[in-house]
Every structure is written in C-alpha cells, then in structure tokens.
Amino acid sequence: MSYTIWPDGPTGDVLQQVNAERYRQEELRAQGKFPASCATPNGLTNAEKFSVLGEEVGEVARHVTEERIDPARLDRAKLRKELIEVAAVCVAWAESL
C-alpha cells in the first residue's frame, strides 16, 4: 500500500502523510483494534462511515474553536494531523465504493 512517486513540495508531503495514515488505519484493523475500516466494502454502513468522518471533522472543529478563543492555543501540528486523518477517512470511504 505504498507509492514511490509523489509531487514535489507540500502537496506531495500531504499525500504521503495521507497514505501513511491509510496504512496505519488498516494495520489497526488487522490487529483487531476495530472490526472494519471505512475502506471495507461491506464492513460498515455508509451511516457508520459518516460517523467516523464526523468524529474526525469534530476534532478539527475543536482545534479551530480553541484558536478562535485564544489564538496562542493553536497547535498547527495537531491541526494538520487531524486534517490528514479526515483526508484518510475520505480516501478509505471512496475506496470502499
């Protein structure tokens, strides 16, 4: 599940991180941490996949809200990590269709 060709620059960096997160998700599934991932065609319903995505978007919302309350509280690394997880869940769901 790895690729060797990525665009140069920030886009390639992000795509590489999304790919790594997808791999991590499938590793967790294989280890039995959860019975299915959003990539599993018949493992979760679309409503369940949407709930997984919603949880990840909620984490992004939490970081953005904290920043609005106090801009000094913004942790860019954590926000980026959550955005990568949102993207990976979307990719996984699209893989299942």
PDB file of N, CA and C in Angstrom:
ATOM      1  N   MET A   1       0.821  -1.188   0.000  1.00  0.00           N
ATOM      2  CA  MET A   1       0.000   0.000   0.000  1.00  0.00           C
ATOM      3  C   MET A   1       0.866   1.253   0.000  1.00  0.00           C
ATOM      4  N   SER A   2       2.044   1.198  -0.576  1.00  0.00           N
ATOM      5  CA  SER A   2       2.857   2.399  -0.606  1.00  0.00           C
ATOM      6  C   SER A   2       3.155   2.787  -2.043  1.00  0.00           C
ATOM      7  N   TYR A   3       3.437   4.045  -2.216  1.00  0.00           N
ATOM      8  CA  TYR A   3       3.741   4.599  -3.527  1.00  0.00           C
ATOM      9  C   TYR A   3       5.107   5.258  -3.448  1.00  0.00           C
ATOM     10  N   THR A   4       5.775   5.337  -4.567  1.00  0.00           N
ATOM     11  CA  THR A   4       7.099   5.924  -4.561  1.00  0.00           C
ATOM     12  C   THR A   4       7.156   7.240  -5.316  1.00  0.00           C
ATOM     13  N   ILE A   5       6.109   7.606  -6.007  1.00  0.00           N
ATOM     14  CA  ILE A   5       6.119   8.838  -6.786  1.00  0.00           C
ATOM     15  C   ILE A   5       5.091   9.795  -6.210  1.00  0.00           C
ATOM     16  N   TRP A   6       5.573  10.934  -5.737  1.00  0.00           N
ATOM     17  CA  TRP A   6       4.721  11.981  -5.202  1.00  0.00           C
ATOM     18  C   TRP A   6       5.134  13.295  -5.823  1.00  0.00           C
ATOM     19  N   PRO A   7       4.205  14.234  -5.971  1.00  0.00           N
ATOM     20  CA  PRO A   7       4.627  15.552  -6.453  1.00  0.00           C
ATOM     21  C   PRO A   7       5.596  16.174  -5.451  1.00  0.00           C
ATOM     22  N   ASP A   8       6.471  17.023  -5.940  1.00  0.00           N
ATOM     23  CA  ASP A   8       7.374  17.732  -5.047  1.00  0.00           C
ATOM     24  C   ASP A   8       6.606  18.778  -4.253  1.00  0.00           C
ATOM     25  N   GLY A   9       7.113  19.090  -3.088  1.00  0.00           N
ATOM     26  CA  GLY A   9       6.570  20.179  -2.294  1.00  0.00           C
ATOM     27  C   GLY A   9       5.501  19.758  -1.322  1.00  0.00           C
ATOM     28  N   PRO A  10       4.751  20.744  -0.829  1.00  0.00           N
ATOM     29  CA  PRO A  10       3.761  20.494   0.226  1.00  0.00           C
ATOM     30  C   PRO A  10       2.680  19.496  -0.171  1.00  0.00           C
ATOM     31  N   THR A  11       2.245  19.518  -1.422  1.00  0.00           N
ATOM     32  CA  THR A  11       1.200  18.578  -1.846  1.00  0.00           C
ATOM     33  C   THR A  11       1.695  17.141  -1.741  1.00  0.00           C
ATOM     34  N   GLY A  12       2.897  16.890  -2.202  1.00  0.00           N
ATOM     35  CA  GLY A  12       3.464  15.549  -2.091  1.00  0.00           C
ATOM     36  C   GLY A  12       3.629  15.123  -0.648  1.00  0.00           C
ATOM     37  N   ASP A  13       4.050  16.069   0.204  1.00  0.00           N
ATOM     38  CA  ASP A  13       4.203  15.760   1.633  1.00  0.00           C
ATOM     39  C   ASP A  13       2.871  15.342   2.237  1.00  0.00           C
ATOM     40  N   VAL A  14       1.827  16.084   1.930  1.00  0.00           N
ATOM     41  CA  VAL A  14       0.498  15.774   2.482  1.00  0.00           C
ATOM     42  C   VAL A  14      -0.008  14.437   1.944  1.00  0.00           C
ATOM     43  N   LEU A  15       0.136  14.206   0.648  1.00  0.00           N
ATOM     44  CA  LEU A  15      -0.326  12.941   0.070  1.00  0.00           C
ATOM     45  C   LEU A  15       0.412  11.761   0.683  1.00  0.00           C
ATOM     46  N   GLN A  16       1.692  11.928   0.937  1.00  0.00           N
ATOM     47  CA  GLN A  16       2.469  10.871   1.576  1.00  0.00           C
ATOM     48  C   GLN A  16       1.952  10.607   2.996  1.00  0.00           C
ATOM     49  N   GLN A  17       1.600  11.668   3.719  1.00  0.00           N
ATOM     50  CA  GLN A  17       1.075  11.517   5.076  1.00  0.00           C
ATOM     51  C   GLN A  17      -0.309  10.883   5.073  1.00  0.00           C
ATOM     52  N   VAL A  18      -1.151  11.235   4.093  1.00  0.00           N
ATOM     53  CA  VAL A  18      -2.471  10.612   3.979  1.00  0.00           C
ATOM     54  C   VAL A  18      -2.300   9.118   3.692  1.00  0.00           C
ATOM     55  N   ASN A  19      -1.385   8.773   2.812  1.00  0.00           N
ATOM     56  CA  ASN A  19      -1.121   7.370   2.517  1.00  0.00           C
ATOM     57  C   ASN A  19      -0.641   6.630   3.762  1.00  0.00           C
ATOM     58  N   ALA A  20       0.238   7.253   4.531  1.00  0.00           N
ATOM     59  CA  ALA A  20       0.733   6.624   5.762  1.00  0.00           C
ATOM     60  C   ALA A  20      -0.404   6.429   6.768  1.00  0.00           C
ATOM     61  N   GLU A  21      -1.294   7.395   6.855  1.00  0.00           N
ATOM     62  CA  GLU A  21      -2.441   7.270   7.765  1.00  0.00           C
ATOM     63  C   GLU A  21      -3.373   6.158   7.305  1.00  0.00           C
ATOM     64  N   ARG A  22      -3.589   6.029   5.998  1.00  0.00           N
ATOM     65  CA  ARG A  22      -4.417   4.921   5.494  1.00  0.00           C
ATOM     66  C   ARG A  22      -3.791   3.586   5.878  1.00  0.00           C
ATOM     67  N   TYR A  23      -2.481   3.489   5.721  1.00  0.00           N
ATOM     68  CA  TYR A  23      -1.783   2.261   6.083  1.00  0.00           C
ATOM     69  C   TYR A  23      -1.964   1.980   7.576  1.00  0.00           C
ATOM     70  N   ARG A  24      -1.831   3.022   8.405  1.00  0.00           N
ATOM     71  CA  ARG A  24      -1.995   2.865   9.853  1.00  0.00           C
ATOM     72  C   ARG A  24      -3.401   2.377  10.186  1.00  0.00           C
ATOM     73  N   GLN A  25      -4.406   2.932   9.519  1.00  0.00           N
ATOM     74  CA  GLN A  25      -5.784   2.511   9.755  1.00  0.00           C
ATOM     75  C   GLN A  25      -5.956   1.024   9.466  1.00  0.00           C
ATOM     76  N   GLU A  26      -5.406   0.576   8.370  1.00  0.00           N
ATOM     77  CA  GLU A  26      -5.551  -0.838   8.000  1.00  0.00           C
ATOM     78  C   GLU A  26      -4.740  -1.738   8.928  1.00  0.00           C
ATOM     79  N   GLU A  27      -3.614  -1.257   9.412  1.00  0.00           N
ATOM     80  CA  GLU A  27      -2.831  -2.015  10.387  1.00  0.00           C
ATOM     81  C   GLU A  27      -3.630  -2.188  11.677  1.00  0.00           C
ATOM     82  N   LEU A  28      -4.277  -1.130  12.134  1.00  0.00           N
ATOM     83  CA  LEU A  28      -5.106  -1.215  13.348  1.00  0.00           C
ATOM     84  C   LEU A  28      -6.251  -2.208  13.167  1.00  0.00           C
ATOM     85  N   ARG A  29      -6.864  -2.168  11.980  1.00  0.00           N
ATOM     86  CA  ARG A  29      -7.935  -3.122  11.688  1.00  0.00           C
ATOM     87  C   ARG A  29      -7.395  -4.540  11.706  1.00  0.00           C
ATOM     88  N   ALA A  30      -6.238  -4.757  11.092  1.00  0.00           N
ATOM     89  CA  ALA A  30      -5.633  -6.092  11.036  1.00  0.00           C
ATOM     90  C   ALA A  30      -5.256  -6.596  12.425  1.00  0.00           C
ATOM     91  N   GLN A  31      -4.903  -5.684  13.319  1.00  0.00           N
ATOM     92  CA  GLN A  31      -4.553  -6.047  14.694  1.00  0.00           C
ATOM     93  C   GLN A  31      -5.780  -6.270  15.565  1.00  0.00           C
ATOM     94  N   GLY A  32      -6.970  -6.048  14.998  1.00  0.00           N
ATOM     95  CA  GLY A  32      -8.197  -6.271  15.740  1.00  0.00           C
ATOM     96  C   GLY A  32      -8.653  -5.091  16.586  1.00  0.00           C
ATOM     97  N   LYS A  33      -8.064  -3.924  16.389  1.00  0.00           N
ATOM     98  CA  LYS A  33      -8.468  -2.733  17.162  1.00  0.00           C
ATOM     99  C   LYS A  33      -9.907  -2.340  16.840  1.00  0.00           C
ATOM    100  N   PHE A  34     -10.328  -2.605  15.608  1.00  0.00           N
ATOM    101  CA  PHE A  34     -11.721  -2.448  15.214  1.00  0.00           C
ATOM    102  C   PHE A  34     -12.008  -3.436  14.094  1.00  0.00           C
ATOM    103  N   PRO A  35     -13.278  -3.837  13.955  1.00  0.00           N
ATOM    104  CA  PRO A  35     -13.605  -4.927  13.031  1.00  0.00           C
ATOM    105  C   PRO A  35     -13.518  -4.559  11.550  1.00  0.00           C
ATOM    106  N   ALA A  36     -13.640  -3.283  11.233  1.00  0.00           N
ATOM    107  CA  ALA A  36     -13.620  -2.862   9.833  1.00  0.00           C
ATOM    108  C   ALA A  36     -13.118  -1.427   9.772  1.00  0.00           C
ATOM    109  N   SER A  37     -12.601  -1.066   8.616  1.00  0.00           N
ATOM    110  CA  SER A  37     -12.244   0.332   8.385  1.00  0.00           C
ATOM    111  C   SER A  37     -13.250   0.896   7.389  1.00  0.00           C
ATOM    112  N   CYS A  38     -13.158   2.178   7.140  1.00  0.00           N
ATOM    113  CA  CYS A  38     -14.063   2.788   6.165  1.00  0.00           C
ATOM    114  C   CYS A  38     -13.796   2.268   4.755  1.00  0.00           C
ATOM    115  N   ALA A  39     -12.666   1.600   4.542  1.00  0.00           N
ATOM    116  CA  ALA A  39     -12.354   1.022   3.236  1.00  0.00           C
ATOM    117  C   ALA A  39     -12.995  -0.338   3.023  1.00  0.00           C
ATOM    118  N   THR A  40     -13.458  -0.965   4.093  1.00  0.00           N
ATOM    119  CA  THR A  40     -14.055  -2.290   3.986  1.00  0.00           C
ATOM    120  C   THR A  40     -15.401  -2.161   3.272  1.00  0.00           C
ATOM    121  N   PRO A  41     -15.543  -2.766   2.082  1.00  0.00           N
ATOM    122  CA  PRO A  41     -16.763  -2.551   1.296  1.00  0.00           C
ATOM    123  C   PRO A  41     -18.066  -2.816   2.041  1.00  0.00           C
ATOM    124  N   ASN A  42     -18.163  -3.927   2.730  1.00  0.00           N
ATOM    125  CA  ASN A  42     -19.408  -4.250   3.430  1.00  0.00           C
ATOM    126  C   ASN A  42     -19.225  -4.311   4.941  1.00  0.00           C
ATOM    127  N   GLY A  43     -18.132  -3.751   5.439  1.00  0.00           N
ATOM    128  CA  GLY A  43     -17.851  -3.823   6.861  1.00  0.00           C
ATOM    129  C   GLY A  43     -18.621  -2.818   7.688  1.00  0.00           C
ATOM    130  N   LEU A  44     -18.833  -1.641   7.145  1.00  0.00           N
ATOM    131  CA  LEU A  44     -19.568  -0.579   7.824  1.00  0.00           C
ATOM    132  C   LEU A  44     -20.608  -0.022   6.862  1.00  0.00           C
ATOM    133  N   THR A  45     -21.716   0.425   7.401  1.00  0.00           N
ATOM    134  CA  THR A  45     -22.703   1.095   6.556  1.00  0.00           C
ATOM    135  C   THR A  45     -22.193   2.489   6.226  1.00  0.00           C
ATOM    136  N   ASN A  46     -22.780   3.120   5.230  1.00  0.00           N
ATOM    137  CA  ASN A  46     -22.406   4.497   4.910  1.00  0.00           C
ATOM    138  C   ASN A  46     -22.678   5.420   6.096  1.00  0.00           C
ATOM    139  N   ALA A  47     -23.721   5.152   6.850  1.00  0.00           N
ATOM    140  CA  ALA A  47     -24.021   5.973   8.027  1.00  0.00           C
ATOM    141  C   ALA A  47     -22.905   5.831   9.066  1.00  0.00           C
ATOM    142  N   GLU A  48     -22.391   4.608   9.242  1.00  0.00           N
ATOM    143  CA  GLU A  48     -21.293   4.406  10.188  1.00  0.00           C
ATOM    144  C   GLU A  48     -20.011   5.082   9.698  1.00  0.00           C
ATOM    145  N   LYS A  49     -19.761   4.992   8.402  1.00  0.00           N
ATOM    146  CA  LYS A  49     -18.591   5.663   7.831  1.00  0.00           C
ATOM    147  C   LYS A  49     -18.703   7.175   7.990  1.00  0.00           C
ATOM    148  N   PHE A  50     -19.901   7.691   7.813  1.00  0.00           N
ATOM    149  CA  PHE A  50     -20.122   9.124   8.001  1.00  0.00           C
ATOM    150  C   PHE A  50     -19.875   9.512   9.459  1.00  0.00           C
ATOM    151  N   SER A  51     -20.238   8.649  10.375  1.00  0.00           N
ATOM    152  CA  SER A  51     -19.981   8.916  11.791  1.00  0.00           C
ATOM    153  C   SER A  51     -18.487   8.966  12.086  1.00  0.00           C
ATOM    154  N   VAL A  52     -17.722   8.074  11.483  1.00  0.00           N
ATOM    155  CA  VAL A  52     -16.266   8.086  11.652  1.00  0.00           C
ATOM    156  C   VAL A  52     -15.699   9.403  11.115  1.00  0.00           C
ATOM    157  N   LEU A  53     -16.156   9.774   9.926  1.00  0.00           N
ATOM    158  CA  LEU A  53     -15.711  11.039   9.334  1.00  0.00           C
ATOM    159  C   LEU A  53     -16.119  12.217  10.211  1.00  0.00           C
ATOM    160  N   GLY A  54     -17.339  12.190  10.717  1.00  0.00           N
ATOM    161  CA  GLY A  54     -17.821  13.264  11.581  1.00  0.00           C
ATOM    162  C   GLY A  54     -16.985  13.415  12.838  1.00  0.00           C
ATOM    163  N   GLU A  55     -16.544  12.300  13.401  1.00  0.00           N
ATOM    164  CA  GLU A  55     -15.691  12.360  14.593  1.00  0.00           C
ATOM    165  C   GLU A  55     -14.376  13.048  14.260  1.00  0.00           C
ATOM    166  N   GLU A  56     -13.809  12.729  13.114  1.00  0.00           N
ATOM    167  CA  GLU A  56     -12.546  13.360  12.715  1.00  0.00           C
ATOM    168  C   GLU A  56     -12.737  14.848  12.424  1.00  0.00           C
ATOM    169  N   VAL A  57     -13.816  15.197  11.741  1.00  0.00           N
ATOM    170  CA  VAL A  57     -14.106  16.615  11.479  1.00  0.00           C
ATOM    171  C   VAL A  57     -14.337  17.348  12.800  1.00  0.00           C
ATOM    172  N   GLY A  58     -14.956  16.685  13.761  1.00  0.00           N
ATOM    173  CA  GLY A  58     -15.166  17.272  15.078  1.00  0.00           C
ATOM    174  C   GLY A  58     -13.850  17.623  15.763  1.00  0.00           C
ATOM    175  N   GLU A  59     -12.841  16.783  15.581  1.00  0.00           N
ATOM    176  CA  GLU A  59     -11.523  17.082  16.141  1.00  0.00           C
ATOM    177  C   GLU A  59     -10.938  18.339  15.499  1.00  0.00           C
ATOM    178  N   VAL A  60     -11.107  18.481  14.196  1.00  0.00           N
ATOM    179  CA  VAL A  60     -10.658  19.703  13.511  1.00  0.00           C
ATOM    180  C   VAL A  60     -11.412  20.899  14.069  1.00  0.00           C
ATOM    181  N   ALA A  61     -12.716  20.752  14.227  1.00  0.00           N
ATOM    182  CA  ALA A  61     -13.537  21.852  14.759  1.00  0.00           C
ATOM    183  C   ALA A  61     -13.078  22.266  16.150  1.00  0.00           C
ATOM    184  N   ARG A  62     -12.696  21.300  16.963  1.00  0.00           N
ATOM    185  CA  ARG A  62     -12.209  21.609  18.308  1.00  0.00           C
ATOM    186  C   ARG A  62     -10.961  22.478  18.246  1.00  0.00           C
ATOM    187  N   HIS A  63     -10.029  22.124  17.384  1.00  0.00           N
ATOM    188  CA  HIS A  63      -8.798  22.911  17.257  1.00  0.00           C
ATOM    189  C   HIS A  63      -9.086  24.319  16.748  1.00  0.00           C
ATOM    190  N   VAL A  64      -9.982  24.433  15.777  1.00  0.00           N
ATOM    191  CA  VAL A  64     -10.326  25.744  15.222  1.00  0.00           C
ATOM    192  C   VAL A  64     -11.035  26.595  16.274  1.00  0.00           C
ATOM    193  N   THR A  65     -11.918  25.985  17.042  1.00  0.00           N
ATOM    194  CA  THR A  65     -12.622  26.711  18.103  1.00  0.00           C
ATOM    195  C   THR A  65     -11.649  27.198  19.166  1.00  0.00           C
ATOM    196  N   GLU A  66     -10.725  26.337  19.553  1.00  0.00           N
ATOM    197  CA  GLU A  66      -9.717  26.748  20.538  1.00  0.00           C
ATOM    198  C   GLU A  66      -8.916  27.940  20.025  1.00  0.00           C
ATOM    199  N   GLU A  67      -8.601  27.929  18.730  1.00  0.00           N
ATOM    200  CA  GLU A  67      -7.851  29.046  18.151  1.00  0.00           C
ATOM    201  C   GLU A  67      -8.660  30.340  18.194  1.00  0.00           C
ATOM    202  N   ARG A  68      -9.953  30.235  17.934  1.00  0.00           N
ATOM    203  CA  ARG A  68     -10.801  31.447  17.967  1.00  0.00           C
ATOM    204  C   ARG A  68     -10.878  32.017  19.378  1.00  0.00           C
ATOM    205  N   ILE A  69     -10.908  31.136  20.366  1.00  0.00           N
ATOM    206  CA  ILE A  69     -10.963  31.580  21.755  1.00  0.00           C
ATOM    207  C   ILE A  69      -9.642  32.233  22.158  1.00  0.00           C
ATOM    208  N   ASP A  70      -8.549  31.580  21.789  1.00  0.00           N
ATOM    209  CA  ASP A  70      -7.221  32.086  22.145  1.00  0.00           C
ATOM    210  C   ASP A  70      -6.254  31.671  21.039  1.00  0.00           C
ATOM    211  N   PRO A  71      -5.907  32.599  20.127  1.00  0.00           N
ATOM    212  CA  PRO A  71      -5.017  32.246  19.006  1.00  0.00           C
ATOM    213  C   PRO A  71      -3.701  31.600  19.437  1.00  0.00           C
ATOM    214  N   ALA A  72      -3.248  31.878  20.634  1.00  0.00           N
ATOM    215  CA  ALA A  72      -1.999  31.287  21.111  1.00  0.00           C
ATOM    216  C   ALA A  72      -2.134  29.792  21.366  1.00  0.00           C
ATOM    217  N   ARG A  73      -3.354  29.299  21.466  1.00  0.00           N
ATOM    218  CA  ARG A  73      -3.582  27.872  21.746  1.00  0.00           C
ATOM    219  C   ARG A  73      -3.502  27.005  20.495  1.00  0.00           C
ATOM    220  N   LEU A  74      -3.422  27.624  19.324  1.00  0.00           N
ATOM    221  CA  LEU A  74      -3.382  26.829  18.100  1.00  0.00           C
ATOM    222  C   LEU A  74      -2.124  25.975  18.056  1.00  0.00           C
ATOM    223  N   ASP A  75      -2.324  24.688  17.920  1.00  0.00           N
ATOM    224  CA  ASP A  75      -1.226  23.751  17.728  1.00  0.00           C
ATOM    225  C   ASP A  75      -1.302  23.290  16.275  1.00  0.00           C
ATOM    226  N   ARG A  76      -0.499  23.907  15.437  1.00  0.00           N
ATOM    227  CA  ARG A  76      -0.560  23.637  13.994  1.00  0.00           C
ATOM    228  C   ARG A  76      -0.285  22.166  13.674  1.00  0.00           C
ATOM    229  N   ALA A  77       0.620  21.550  14.413  1.00  0.00           N
ATOM    230  CA  ALA A  77       0.949  20.142  14.158  1.00  0.00           C
ATOM    231  C   ALA A  77      -0.252  19.241  14.438  1.00  0.00           C
ATOM    232  N   LYS A  78      -0.961  19.500  15.536  1.00  0.00           N
ATOM    233  CA  LYS A  78      -2.140  18.693  15.867  1.00  0.00           C
ATOM    234  C   LYS A  78      -3.261  18.939  14.862  1.00  0.00           C
ATOM    235  N   LEU A  79      -3.454  20.198  14.454  1.00  0.00           N
ATOM    236  CA  LEU A  79      -4.479  20.503  13.457  1.00  0.00           C
ATOM    237  C   LEU A  79      -4.158  19.788  12.152  1.00  0.00           C
ATOM    238  N   ARG A  80      -2.914  19.842  11.732  1.00  0.00           N
ATOM    239  CA  ARG A  80      -2.513  19.167  10.491  1.00  0.00           C
ATOM    240  C   ARG A  80      -2.759  17.665  10.596  1.00  0.00           C
ATOM    241  N   LYS A  81      -2.403  17.075  11.736  1.00  0.00           N
ATOM    242  CA  LYS A  81      -2.618  15.638  11.951  1.00  0.00           C
ATOM    243  C   LYS A  81      -4.094  15.284  11.802  1.00  0.00           C
ATOM    244  N   GLU A  82      -4.960  16.082  12.389  1.00  0.00           N
ATOM    245  CA  GLU A  82      -6.403  15.819  12.289  1.00  0.00           C
ATOM    246  C   GLU A  82      -6.895  15.977  10.850  1.00  0.00           C
ATOM    247  N   LEU A  83      -6.390  16.973  10.142  1.00  0.00           N
ATOM    248  CA  LEU A  83      -6.783  17.155   8.741  1.00  0.00           C
ATOM    249  C   LEU A  83      -6.317  15.979   7.885  1.00  0.00           C
ATOM    250  N   ILE A  84      -5.137  15.449   8.176  1.00  0.00           N
ATOM    251  CA  ILE A  84      -4.646  14.263   7.469  1.00  0.00           C
ATOM    252  C   ILE A  84      -5.574  13.076   7.745  1.00  0.00           C
ATOM    253  N   GLU A  85      -6.029  12.947   8.987  1.00  0.00           N
ATOM    254  CA  GLU A  85      -6.948  11.854   9.331  1.00  0.00           C
ATOM    255  C   GLU A  85      -8.286  12.018   8.615  1.00  0.00           C
ATOM    256  N   VAL A  86      -8.790  13.245   8.505  1.00  0.00           N
ATOM    257  CA  VAL A  86     -10.032  13.486   7.752  1.00  0.00           C
ATOM    258  C   VAL A  86      -9.843  13.030   6.307  1.00  0.00           C
ATOM    259  N   ALA A  87      -8.743  13.453   5.708  1.00  0.00           N
ATOM    260  CA  ALA A  87      -8.491  13.084   4.310  1.00  0.00           C
ATOM    261  C   ALA A  87      -8.376  11.568   4.147  1.00  0.00           C
ATOM    262  N   ALA A  88      -7.702  10.913   5.092  1.00  0.00           N
ATOM    263  CA  ALA A  88      -7.529   9.463   5.003  1.00  0.00           C
ATOM    264  C   ALA A  88      -8.860   8.724   5.139  1.00  0.00           C
ATOM    265  N   VAL A  89      -9.731   9.204   6.008  1.00  0.00           N
ATOM    266  CA  VAL A  89     -11.054   8.584   6.145  1.00  0.00           C
ATOM    267  C   VAL A  89     -11.837   8.764   4.844  1.00  0.00           C
ATOM    268  N   CYS A  90     -11.763   9.933   4.237  1.00  0.00           N
ATOM    269  CA  CYS A  90     -12.450  10.157   2.954  1.00  0.00           C
ATOM    270  C   CYS A  90     -11.913   9.226   1.873  1.00  0.00           C
ATOM    271  N   VAL A  91     -10.584   9.075   1.829  1.00  0.00           N
ATOM    272  CA  VAL A  91      -9.987   8.165   0.852  1.00  0.00           C
ATOM    273  C   VAL A  91     -10.454   6.740   1.107  1.00  0.00           C
ATOM    274  N   ALA A  92     -10.445   6.325   2.354  1.00  0.00           N
ATOM    275  CA  ALA A  92     -10.872   4.961   2.686  1.00  0.00           C
ATOM    276  C   ALA A  92     -12.309   4.725   2.256  1.00  0.00           C
ATOM    277  N   TRP A  93     -13.180   5.684   2.557  1.00  0.00           N
ATOM    278  CA  TRP A  93     -14.593   5.540   2.190  1.00  0.00           C
ATOM    279  C   TRP A  93     -14.720   5.437   0.674  1.00  0.00           C
ATOM    280  N   ALA A  94     -13.996   6.308  -0.051  1.00  0.00           N
ATOM    281  CA  ALA A  94     -14.057   6.254  -1.520  1.00  0.00           C
ATOM    282  C   ALA A  94     -13.540   4.912  -2.036  1.00  0.00           C
ATOM    283  N   GLU A  95     -12.526   4.355  -1.379  1.00  0.00           N
ATOM    284  CA  GLU A  95     -12.012   3.046  -1.777  1.00  0.00           C
ATOM    285  C   GLU A  95     -13.095   1.971  -1.673  1.00  0.00           C
ATOM    286  N   SER A  96     -13.988   2.126  -0.722  1.00  0.00           N
ATOM    287  CA  SER A  96     -14.992   1.085  -0.492  1.00  0.00           C
ATOM    288  C   SER A  96     -16.136   1.116  -1.508  1.00  0.00           C
ATOM    289  N   LEU A  97     -16.228   2.174  -2.266  1.00  0.00           N
ATOM    290  CA  LEU A  97     -17.357   2.319  -3.207  1.00  0.00           C
ATOM    291  C   LEU A  97     -17.048   1.749  -4.575  1.00  0.00           C
TER     292      LEU A  97
END
